[in-house]
Amino acid sequence: MGIYLTSVLAALAVSTPVYHWDYEQAVHHAIAMKRDLVIYFREENNQDEIFRDPRVWIRLHRYVFVCLPVNYEYDGRRLLDYPAFRHMQGRGGVAVVACHDPNAENFLQVISAHPFVKSRYHWVPDYGPEQISLILDFPNWLSLTQRSMLYAVSVHPDKPLSVTGEPHAALMEHCAWHSARQAKLQWQHHADLLAVSHQLQQRAGLVLNHASEVVAESWGRVFGEETVLEAAFSCVDAWRQSPGHWAAVSRPCRYFGYDIQRGANGTWYATGFFGY
């Protein structure tokens, strides 16, 4: 273990009760403790100060934390080159792996991928303690695509109020289904709002006075390959350009759902659904 890695772990040891520098050991420990795993892929141009911030380290107590250099190898291959970490773009940053429940659908899947790189969208903030704290506070039952959309909406400088509602499993499921349908058809379109609202109330026992839905497609056709997070920023940016869509995203609601899925054409298709 290099001197630089030893020093950052020593600095974190006081504040983070469960930390590692070996990936496999960290995964096993996280499963045993029924906690999710936070991976800090550390570059030489590092962001160590973020993880020393009290807002971050107090949240890390709920996780198992592992600090790895970006060239860390697992089974003879650089860990960042594994398909599971493709949205990290081979760069330093933070990833979260779901290890809290072996029966969960997202068990051992990457549920957050945040490379420390600049977005093409000028309103997206750089990573700091506030942004990492936000990621660590997201519900761990959500998927990578859902958490990416939630992050993209949450960090917009206009502070949309839809995310102050309750993320509801039934609404998230609808957004996953409709985003996948749009991606399969490669066609941005709305679901039947009345039918969906009725189904949600029947299936999930929700009482909705009314509901609204927003959809968008990313700039995949124009920009080429996009990470899920950059595609999420793209769709939020598209909603911001539409007064009607942005009114729905900005309005406080009782329940909400968000998701995004990629089509074979390289474009990502997003859905937001809000219950009032």
C-alpha atoms as a PDB file:
ATOM      1  CA  MET A   1       0.000   0.000   0.000  1.00  0.00           C
ATOM      2  CA  GLY A   2       1.483   3.361  -1.029  1.00  0.00           C
ATOM      3  CA  ILE A   3       2.369   6.114   1.404  1.00  0.00           C
ATOM      4  CA  TYR A   4      -0.271   8.437  -0.042  1.00  0.00           C
ATOM      5  CA  LEU A   5      -3.012   5.832   0.448  1.00  0.00           C
ATOM      6  CA  THR A   6      -1.854   5.097   3.996  1.00  0.00           C
ATOM      7  CA  SER A   7      -2.010   8.783   4.859  1.00  0.00           C
ATOM      8  CA  VAL A   8      -5.546   9.304   3.620  1.00  0.00           C
ATOM      9  CA  LEU A   9      -6.793   6.207   5.449  1.00  0.00           C
ATOM     10  CA  ALA A  10      -5.071   7.353   8.626  1.00  0.00           C
ATOM     11  CA  ALA A  11      -6.806  10.708   8.322  1.00  0.00           C
ATOM     12  CA  LEU A  12     -10.153   9.018   7.805  1.00  0.00           C
ATOM     13  CA  ALA A  13      -9.739   6.402  10.539  1.00  0.00           C
ATOM     14  CA  VAL A  14     -10.760   8.754  13.311  1.00  0.00           C
ATOM     15  CA  SER A  15     -14.056   9.558  11.657  1.00  0.00           C
ATOM     16  CA  THR A  16     -14.951   6.447   9.666  1.00  0.00           C
ATOM     17  CA  PRO A  17     -15.363   3.360  11.870  1.00  0.00           C
ATOM     18  CA  VAL A  18     -15.320   0.801   9.039  1.00  0.00           C
ATOM     19  CA  TYR A  19     -12.771   1.373   6.297  1.00  0.00           C
ATOM     20  CA  HIS A  20     -10.608  -0.763   3.999  1.00  0.00           C
ATOM     21  CA  TRP A  21      -7.957  -0.631   1.311  1.00  0.00           C
ATOM     22  CA  ASP A  22      -8.738  -4.083  -0.134  1.00  0.00           C
ATOM     23  CA  TYR A  23     -11.800  -4.367  -2.390  1.00  0.00           C
ATOM     24  CA  GLU A  24     -12.677  -8.018  -1.771  1.00  0.00           C
ATOM     25  CA  GLN A  25     -12.353  -7.707   1.994  1.00  0.00           C
ATOM     26  CA  ALA A  26     -14.467  -4.568   1.934  1.00  0.00           C
ATOM     27  CA  VAL A  27     -17.259  -6.283  -0.012  1.00  0.00           C
ATOM     28  CA  HIS A  28     -17.320  -9.250   2.374  1.00  0.00           C
ATOM     29  CA  HIS A  29     -17.315  -6.933   5.375  1.00  0.00           C
ATOM     30  CA  ALA A  30     -20.160  -4.840   3.943  1.00  0.00           C
ATOM     31  CA  ILE A  31     -22.283  -7.944   3.298  1.00  0.00           C
ATOM     32  CA  ALA A  32     -21.611  -9.242   6.797  1.00  0.00           C
ATOM     33  CA  MET A  33     -22.550  -5.898   8.352  1.00  0.00           C
ATOM     34  CA  LYS A  34     -25.541  -5.420   6.020  1.00  0.00           C
ATOM     35  CA  ARG A  35     -24.234  -2.074   4.889  1.00  0.00           C
ATOM     36  CA  ASP A  36     -23.624  -0.651   1.454  1.00  0.00           C
ATOM     37  CA  LEU A  37     -20.083  -0.112   0.231  1.00  0.00           C
ATOM     38  CA  VAL A  38     -18.694   3.324  -0.661  1.00  0.00           C
ATOM     39  CA  ILE A  39     -15.659   3.201  -2.944  1.00  0.00           C
ATOM     40  CA  TYR A  40     -13.424   6.234  -3.246  1.00  0.00           C
ATOM     41  CA  PHE A  41     -11.313   5.805  -6.382  1.00  0.00           C
ATOM     42  CA  ARG A  42      -8.421   8.125  -5.625  1.00  0.00           C
ATOM     43  CA  GLU A  43      -6.372   9.924  -8.244  1.00  0.00           C
ATOM     44  CA  GLU A  44      -3.086  11.725  -7.620  1.00  0.00           C
ATOM     45  CA  ASN A  45      -5.017  14.971  -8.056  1.00  0.00           C
ATOM     46  CA  ASN A  46      -7.192  13.823  -5.193  1.00  0.00           C
ATOM     47  CA  GLN A  47     -10.280  15.052  -3.391  1.00  0.00           C
ATOM     48  CA  ASP A  48      -9.346  13.791   0.077  1.00  0.00           C
ATOM     49  CA  GLU A  49     -10.632  16.929   1.807  1.00  0.00           C
ATOM     50  CA  ILE A  50     -14.190  16.003   0.840  1.00  0.00           C
ATOM     51  CA  PHE A  51     -14.032  12.862   2.959  1.00  0.00           C
ATOM     52  CA  ARG A  52     -12.613  14.712   5.950  1.00  0.00           C
ATOM     53  CA  ASP A  53     -15.598  17.041   6.038  1.00  0.00           C
ATOM     54  CA  PRO A  54     -17.879  16.368   9.054  1.00  0.00           C
ATOM     55  CA  ARG A  55     -20.974  16.300   6.818  1.00  0.00           C
ATOM     56  CA  VAL A  56     -19.495  13.409   4.867  1.00  0.00           C
ATOM     57  CA  TRP A  57     -17.810  11.357   7.533  1.00  0.00           C
ATOM     58  CA  ILE A  58     -20.835  11.331   9.805  1.00  0.00           C
ATOM     59  CA  ARG A  59     -22.803   9.775   6.933  1.00  0.00           C
ATOM     60  CA  LEU A  60     -20.034   7.282   6.214  1.00  0.00           C
ATOM     61  CA  HIS A  61     -20.766   5.676   9.571  1.00  0.00           C
ATOM     62  CA  ARG A  62     -23.735   4.018   7.839  1.00  0.00           C
ATOM     63  CA  TYR A  63     -21.450   2.427   5.228  1.00  0.00           C
ATOM     64  CA  VAL A  64     -18.331   0.391   4.758  1.00  0.00           C
ATOM     65  CA  PHE A  65     -15.735   2.626   3.125  1.00  0.00           C
ATOM     66  CA  VAL A  66     -12.837   1.584   0.904  1.00  0.00           C
ATOM     67  CA  CYS A  67     -10.214   3.884  -0.586  1.00  0.00           C
ATOM     68  CA  LEU A  68      -8.551   2.540  -3.731  1.00  0.00           C
ATOM     69  CA  PRO A  69      -6.117   4.066  -6.210  1.00  0.00           C
ATOM     70  CA  VAL A  70      -7.543   4.365  -9.730  1.00  0.00           C
ATOM     71  CA  ASN A  71      -5.087   1.707 -10.951  1.00  0.00           C
ATOM     72  CA  TYR A  72      -6.179  -0.827  -8.312  1.00  0.00           C
ATOM     73  CA  GLU A  73      -6.376  -4.344  -9.764  1.00  0.00           C
ATOM     74  CA  TYR A  74      -8.771  -7.149  -8.906  1.00  0.00           C
ATOM     75  CA  ASP A  75      -8.152 -10.651 -10.297  1.00  0.00           C
ATOM     76  CA  GLY A  76      -5.450  -9.311 -12.589  1.00  0.00           C
ATOM     77  CA  ARG A  77      -7.580  -6.569 -14.100  1.00  0.00           C
ATOM     78  CA  ARG A  78      -8.001  -2.926 -13.207  1.00  0.00           C
ATOM     79  CA  LEU A  79     -11.184  -2.688 -11.141  1.00  0.00           C
ATOM     80  CA  LEU A  80     -12.384   0.403 -13.008  1.00  0.00           C
ATOM     81  CA  ASP A  81     -12.216  -1.549 -16.280  1.00  0.00           C
ATOM     82  CA  TYR A  82     -14.901  -4.010 -15.171  1.00  0.00           C
ATOM     83  CA  PRO A  83     -18.299  -3.444 -16.859  1.00  0.00           C
ATOM     84  CA  ALA A  84     -19.957  -2.806 -13.485  1.00  0.00           C
ATOM     85  CA  PHE A  85     -17.935   0.402 -13.171  1.00  0.00           C
ATOM     86  CA  ARG A  86     -18.224   1.577 -16.795  1.00  0.00           C
ATOM     87  CA  HIS A  87     -20.084   4.742 -15.782  1.00  0.00           C
ATOM     88  CA  MET A  88     -17.014   5.832 -13.789  1.00  0.00           C
ATOM     89  CA  GLN A  89     -15.254   6.444 -17.146  1.00  0.00           C
ATOM     90  CA  GLY A  90     -12.055   4.960 -15.753  1.00  0.00           C
ATOM     91  CA  ARG A  91     -11.639   8.043 -13.561  1.00  0.00           C
ATOM     92  CA  GLY A  92     -11.389   8.839  -9.894  1.00  0.00           C
ATOM     93  CA  GLY A  93     -14.585   9.505  -7.990  1.00  0.00           C
ATOM     94  CA  VAL A  94     -17.182   7.806  -5.821  1.00  0.00           C
ATOM     95  CA  ALA A  95     -19.193   4.660  -6.426  1.00  0.00           C
ATOM     96  CA  VAL A  96     -21.715   2.974  -4.139  1.00  0.00           C
ATOM     97  CA  VAL A  97     -22.339  -0.789  -4.263  1.00  0.00           C
ATOM     98  CA  ALA A  98     -25.494  -2.272  -2.723  1.00  0.00           C
ATOM     99  CA  CYS A  99     -24.459  -4.874  -0.138  1.00  0.00           C
ATOM    100  CA  HIS A 100     -27.103  -4.371   2.551  1.00  0.00           C
ATOM    101  CA  ASP A 101     -29.532  -7.154   1.546  1.00  0.00           C
ATOM    102  CA  PRO A 102     -28.742 -10.314  -0.439  1.00  0.00           C
ATOM    103  CA  ASN A 103     -32.431 -10.573  -1.353  1.00  0.00           C
ATOM    104  CA  ALA A 104     -32.642  -7.079  -2.829  1.00  0.00           C
ATOM    105  CA  GLU A 105     -32.893  -6.718  -6.603  1.00  0.00           C
ATOM    106  CA  ASN A 106     -29.877  -4.430  -6.671  1.00  0.00           C
ATOM    107  CA  PHE A 107     -27.640  -6.663  -4.482  1.00  0.00           C
ATOM    108  CA  LEU A 108     -23.948  -6.262  -5.431  1.00  0.00           C
ATOM    109  CA  GLN A 109     -24.853  -3.771  -8.138  1.00  0.00           C
ATOM    110  CA  VAL A 110     -23.360  -0.306  -8.496  1.00  0.00           C
ATOM    111  CA  ILE A 111     -26.153   2.041  -7.422  1.00  0.00           C
ATOM    112  CA  SER A 112     -24.228   5.325  -7.693  1.00  0.00           C
ATOM    113  CA  ALA A 113     -21.406   6.201 -10.077  1.00  0.00           C
ATOM    114  CA  HIS A 114     -19.904   9.681  -9.832  1.00  0.00           C
ATOM    115  CA  PRO A 115     -16.598  10.244 -11.611  1.00  0.00           C
ATOM    116  CA  PHE A 116     -15.013  13.548 -10.615  1.00  0.00           C
ATOM    117  CA  VAL A 117     -15.231  15.039 -14.100  1.00  0.00           C
ATOM    118  CA  LYS A 118     -16.766  18.222 -15.474  1.00  0.00           C
ATOM    119  CA  SER A 119     -20.224  17.997 -17.006  1.00  0.00           C
ATOM    120  CA  ARG A 120     -20.961  19.676 -20.331  1.00  0.00           C
ATOM    121  CA  TYR A 121     -23.883  21.361 -18.574  1.00  0.00           C
ATOM    122  CA  HIS A 122     -22.675  24.563 -16.934  1.00  0.00           C
ATOM    123  CA  TRP A 123     -25.179  24.444 -14.080  1.00  0.00           C
ATOM    124  CA  VAL A 124     -23.918  21.105 -12.725  1.00  0.00           C
ATOM    125  CA  PRO A 125     -21.815  21.801  -9.597  1.00  0.00           C
ATOM    126  CA  ASP A 126     -18.363  20.391  -8.923  1.00  0.00           C
ATOM    127  CA  TYR A 127     -18.186  17.666  -6.296  1.00  0.00           C
ATOM    128  CA  GLY A 128     -17.792  18.774  -2.720  1.00  0.00           C
ATOM    129  CA  PRO A 129     -19.051  17.712   0.718  1.00  0.00           C
ATOM    130  CA  GLU A 130     -22.613  18.853  -0.060  1.00  0.00           C
ATOM    131  CA  GLN A 131     -22.833  16.743  -3.225  1.00  0.00           C
ATOM    132  CA  ILE A 132     -21.272  13.624  -1.645  1.00  0.00           C
ATOM    133  CA  SER A 133     -23.562  13.973   1.377  1.00  0.00           C
ATOM    134  CA  LEU A 134     -26.530  14.104  -0.979  1.00  0.00           C
ATOM    135  CA  ILE A 135     -25.447  10.860  -2.659  1.00  0.00           C
ATOM    136  CA  LEU A 136     -24.979   9.127   0.689  1.00  0.00           C
ATOM    137  CA  ASP A 137     -28.482  10.139   1.776  1.00  0.00           C
ATOM    138  CA  PHE A 138     -30.301   8.610  -1.216  1.00  0.00           C
ATOM    139  CA  PRO A 139     -32.480   5.553  -0.486  1.00  0.00           C
ATOM    140  CA  ASN A 140     -30.451   2.387  -1.030  1.00  0.00           C
ATOM    141  CA  TRP A 141     -33.353   0.491  -2.609  1.00  0.00           C
ATOM    142  CA  LEU A 142     -33.187   2.658  -5.714  1.00  0.00           C
ATOM    143  CA  SER A 143     -31.305   1.596  -8.843  1.00  0.00           C
ATOM    144  CA  LEU A 144     -28.331   3.300 -10.465  1.00  0.00           C
ATOM    145  CA  THR A 145     -30.573   4.927 -13.065  1.00  0.00           C
ATOM    146  CA  GLN A 146     -33.071   6.162 -10.482  1.00  0.00           C
ATOM    147  CA  ARG A 147     -30.403   7.567  -8.165  1.00  0.00           C
ATOM    148  CA  SER A 148     -28.710   9.251 -11.119  1.00  0.00           C
ATOM    149  CA  MET A 149     -31.944  11.013 -12.056  1.00  0.00           C
ATOM    150  CA  LEU A 150     -32.574  11.974  -8.446  1.00  0.00           C
ATOM    151  CA  TYR A 151     -29.081  13.462  -8.220  1.00  0.00           C
ATOM    152  CA  ALA A 152     -29.468  15.406 -11.468  1.00  0.00           C
ATOM    153  CA  VAL A 153     -32.745  16.967 -10.327  1.00  0.00           C
ATOM    154  CA  SER A 154     -31.485  17.629  -6.797  1.00  0.00           C
ATOM    155  CA  VAL A 155     -28.346  19.555  -7.802  1.00  0.00           C
ATOM    156  CA  HIS A 156     -30.076  21.863 -10.261  1.00  0.00           C
ATOM    157  CA  PRO A 157     -29.571  25.450  -9.032  1.00  0.00           C
ATOM    158  CA  ASP A 158     -33.306  26.191  -9.279  1.00  0.00           C
ATOM    159  CA  LYS A 159     -33.877  23.715  -6.428  1.00  0.00           C
ATOM    160  CA  PRO A 160     -36.875  21.812  -7.885  1.00  0.00           C
ATOM    161  CA  LEU A 161     -39.294  20.855  -5.136  1.00  0.00           C
ATOM    162  CA  SER A 162     -40.519  17.547  -6.547  1.00  0.00           C
ATOM    163  CA  VAL A 163     -37.604  15.765  -4.854  1.00  0.00           C
ATOM    164  CA  THR A 164     -38.754  17.017  -1.449  1.00  0.00           C
ATOM    165  CA  GLY A 165     -41.670  14.578  -1.687  1.00  0.00           C
ATOM    166  CA  GLU A 166     -41.503  10.869  -0.867  1.00  0.00           C
ATOM    167  CA  PRO A 167     -39.845   8.561  -3.400  1.00  0.00           C
ATOM    168  CA  HIS A 168     -42.474   5.861  -3.782  1.00  0.00           C
ATOM    169  CA  ALA A 169     -41.707   2.348  -5.016  1.00  0.00           C
ATOM    170  CA  ALA A 170     -44.816   2.141  -7.200  1.00  0.00           C
ATOM    171  CA  LEU A 171     -44.047   5.437  -8.931  1.00  0.00           C
ATOM    172  CA  MET A 172     -40.416   4.430  -9.384  1.00  0.00           C
ATOM    173  CA  GLU A 173     -41.562   1.160 -10.948  1.00  0.00           C
ATOM    174  CA  HIS A 174     -43.795   3.035 -13.371  1.00  0.00           C
ATOM    175  CA  CYS A 175     -40.942   5.351 -14.352  1.00  0.00           C
ATOM    176  CA  ALA A 176     -38.645   2.360 -14.889  1.00  0.00           C
ATOM    177  CA  TRP A 177     -41.272   0.631 -17.026  1.00  0.00           C
ATOM    178  CA  HIS A 178     -42.142   3.672 -19.118  1.00  0.00           C
ATOM    179  CA  SER A 179     -38.508   4.715 -19.592  1.00  0.00           C
ATOM    180  CA  ALA A 180     -37.727   1.179 -20.771  1.00  0.00           C
ATOM    181  CA  ARG A 181     -40.710   1.286 -23.127  1.00  0.00           C
ATOM    182  CA  GLN A 182     -39.568   4.585 -24.632  1.00  0.00           C
ATOM    183  CA  ALA A 183     -36.047   3.195 -24.994  1.00  0.00           C
ATOM    184  CA  LYS A 184     -37.298   0.026 -26.702  1.00  0.00           C
ATOM    185  CA  LEU A 185     -39.415   2.002 -29.154  1.00  0.00           C
ATOM    186  CA  GLN A 186     -36.774   4.768 -29.434  1.00  0.00           C
ATOM    187  CA  TRP A 187     -39.664   7.190 -29.153  1.00  0.00           C
ATOM    188  CA  GLN A 188     -40.201   9.848 -26.513  1.00  0.00           C
ATOM    189  CA  HIS A 189     -43.849   9.823 -25.461  1.00  0.00           C
ATOM    190  CA  HIS A 190     -46.141  10.021 -22.444  1.00  0.00           C
ATOM    191  CA  ALA A 191     -47.996   7.155 -20.823  1.00  0.00           C
ATOM    192  CA  ASP A 192     -51.766   7.271 -20.454  1.00  0.00           C
ATOM    193  CA  LEU A 193     -51.884   9.452 -17.345  1.00  0.00           C
ATOM    194  CA  LEU A 194     -55.419   8.527 -16.281  1.00  0.00           C
ATOM    195  CA  ALA A 195     -54.858   4.804 -16.735  1.00  0.00           C
ATOM    196  CA  VAL A 196     -51.531   4.876 -14.914  1.00  0.00           C
ATOM    197  CA  SER A 197     -52.964   6.903 -12.017  1.00  0.00           C
ATOM    198  CA  HIS A 198     -55.807   4.414 -11.653  1.00  0.00           C
ATOM    199  CA  GLN A 199     -53.422   1.444 -11.753  1.00  0.00           C
ATOM    200  CA  LEU A 200     -51.144   3.000  -9.141  1.00  0.00           C
ATOM    201  CA  GLN A 201     -54.055   3.672  -6.824  1.00  0.00           C
ATOM    202  CA  GLN A 202     -55.391   0.147  -7.269  1.00  0.00           C
ATOM    203  CA  ARG A 203     -52.071  -1.684  -7.031  1.00  0.00           C
ATOM    204  CA  ALA A 204     -50.289   0.375  -4.383  1.00  0.00           C
ATOM    205  CA  GLY A 205     -53.264   1.666  -2.450  1.00  0.00           C
ATOM    206  CA  LEU A 206     -52.254   5.262  -3.091  1.00  0.00           C
ATOM    207  CA  VAL A 207     -54.775   8.053  -2.804  1.00  0.00           C
ATOM    208  CA  LEU A 208     -53.918  10.560  -5.526  1.00  0.00           C
ATOM    209  CA  ASN A 209     -55.974  13.688  -6.046  1.00  0.00           C
ATOM    210  CA  HIS A 210     -54.167  14.177  -9.326  1.00  0.00           C
ATOM    211  CA  ALA A 211     -50.887  13.304 -11.020  1.00  0.00           C
ATOM    212  CA  SER A 212     -48.510  14.619 -13.656  1.00  0.00           C
ATOM    213  CA  GLU A 213     -45.760  13.146 -15.798  1.00  0.00           C
ATOM    214  CA  VAL A 214     -42.723  14.469 -17.653  1.00  0.00           C
ATOM    215  CA  VAL A 215     -40.615  12.698 -20.267  1.00  0.00           C
ATOM    216  CA  ALA A 216     -37.405  13.613 -22.077  1.00  0.00           C
ATOM    217  CA  GLU A 217     -34.661  12.185 -24.244  1.00  0.00           C
ATOM    218  CA  SER A 218     -30.954  12.845 -23.925  1.00  0.00           C
ATOM    219  CA  TRP A 219     -28.531  14.151 -26.540  1.00  0.00           C
ATOM    220  CA  GLY A 220     -27.077  10.686 -27.198  1.00  0.00           C
ATOM    221  CA  ARG A 221     -27.565  10.949 -30.943  1.00  0.00           C
ATOM    222  CA  VAL A 222     -25.650  14.226 -31.026  1.00  0.00           C
ATOM    223  CA  PHE A 223     -22.918  13.746 -28.434  1.00  0.00           C
ATOM    224  CA  GLY A 224     -22.446  10.005 -28.782  1.00  0.00           C
ATOM    225  CA  GLU A 225     -21.890   7.734 -25.796  1.00  0.00           C
ATOM    226  CA  GLU A 226     -23.187   9.234 -22.536  1.00  0.00           C
ATOM    227  CA  THR A 227     -22.823   7.966 -18.997  1.00  0.00           C
ATOM    228  CA  VAL A 228     -26.095   7.507 -17.158  1.00  0.00           C
ATOM    229  CA  LEU A 229     -25.352  10.574 -15.043  1.00  0.00           C
ATOM    230  CA  GLU A 230     -24.548  12.835 -18.000  1.00  0.00           C
ATOM    231  CA  ALA A 231     -27.725  11.607 -19.719  1.00  0.00           C
ATOM    232  CA  ALA A 232     -29.683  12.458 -16.561  1.00  0.00           C
ATOM    233  CA  PHE A 233     -28.250  15.981 -16.606  1.00  0.00           C
ATOM    234  CA  SER A 234     -29.218  16.208 -20.272  1.00  0.00           C
ATOM    235  CA  CYS A 235     -32.845  15.287 -19.604  1.00  0.00           C
ATOM    236  CA  VAL A 236     -33.131  17.659 -16.648  1.00  0.00           C
ATOM    237  CA  ASP A 237     -31.670  20.388 -18.839  1.00  0.00           C
ATOM    238  CA  ALA A 238     -34.316  19.650 -21.484  1.00  0.00           C
ATOM    239  CA  TRP A 239     -37.079  19.936 -18.871  1.00  0.00           C
ATOM    240  CA  ARG A 240     -35.643  23.268 -17.760  1.00  0.00           C
ATOM    241  CA  GLN A 241     -36.136  24.624 -21.295  1.00  0.00           C
ATOM    242  CA  SER A 242     -39.858  23.745 -21.238  1.00  0.00           C
ATOM    243  CA  PRO A 243     -42.060  25.867 -18.934  1.00  0.00           C
ATOM    244  CA  GLY A 244     -44.705  23.149 -18.707  1.00  0.00           C
ATOM    245  CA  HIS A 245     -42.284  20.360 -17.880  1.00  0.00           C
ATOM    246  CA  TRP A 246     -40.302  22.501 -15.446  1.00  0.00           C
ATOM    247  CA  ALA A 247     -43.463  23.529 -13.619  1.00  0.00           C
ATOM    248  CA  ALA A 248     -44.146  19.836 -12.917  1.00  0.00           C
ATOM    249  CA  VAL A 249     -40.560  19.112 -11.867  1.00  0.00           C
ATOM    250  CA  SER A 250     -40.459  22.206  -9.649  1.00  0.00           C
ATOM    251  CA  ARG A 251     -43.824  21.763  -7.936  1.00  0.00           C
ATOM    252  CA  PRO A 252     -43.930  20.111  -4.497  1.00  0.00           C
ATOM    253  CA  CYS A 253     -45.685  16.761  -4.515  1.00  0.00           C
ATOM    254  CA  ARG A 254     -46.605  14.035  -2.064  1.00  0.00           C
ATOM    255  CA  TYR A 255     -44.958  11.183  -3.991  1.00  0.00           C
ATOM    256  CA  PHE A 256     -42.521  11.084  -6.891  1.00  0.00           C
ATOM    257  CA  GLY A 257     -40.659   8.711  -9.161  1.00  0.00           C
ATOM    258  CA  TYR A 258     -37.807   9.166 -11.633  1.00  0.00           C
ATOM    259  CA  ASP A 259     -35.932   6.824 -13.966  1.00  0.00           C
ATOM    260  CA  ILE A 260     -33.972   6.767 -17.218  1.00  0.00           C
ATOM    261  CA  GLN A 261     -33.110   3.971 -19.663  1.00  0.00           C
ATOM    262  CA  ARG A 262     -30.881   3.741 -22.721  1.00  0.00           C
ATOM    263  CA  GLY A 263     -32.143   2.820 -26.181  1.00  0.00           C
ATOM    264  CA  ALA A 264     -30.208   0.860 -28.795  1.00  0.00           C
ATOM    265  CA  ASN A 265     -29.756   4.150 -30.637  1.00  0.00           C
ATOM    266  CA  GLY A 266     -27.558   5.487 -27.813  1.00  0.00           C
ATOM    267  CA  THR A 267     -30.212   7.908 -26.579  1.00  0.00           C
ATOM    268  CA  TRP A 268     -31.456   7.765 -22.996  1.00  0.00           C
ATOM    269  CA  TYR A 269     -35.164   8.217 -22.218  1.00  0.00           C
ATOM    270  CA  ALA A 270     -36.299   9.671 -18.892  1.00  0.00           C
ATOM    271  CA  THR A 271     -39.597   9.695 -17.017  1.00  0.00           C
ATOM    272  CA  GLY A 272     -40.726  11.645 -13.985  1.00  0.00           C
ATOM    273  CA  PHE A 273     -44.064  10.953 -12.297  1.00  0.00           C
ATOM    274  CA  PHE A 274     -45.631  12.989  -9.506  1.00  0.00           C
ATOM    275  CA  GLY A 275     -48.595  12.259  -7.256  1.00  0.00           C
ATOM    276  CA  TYR A 276     -50.422  14.980  -5.355  1.00  0.00           C
END
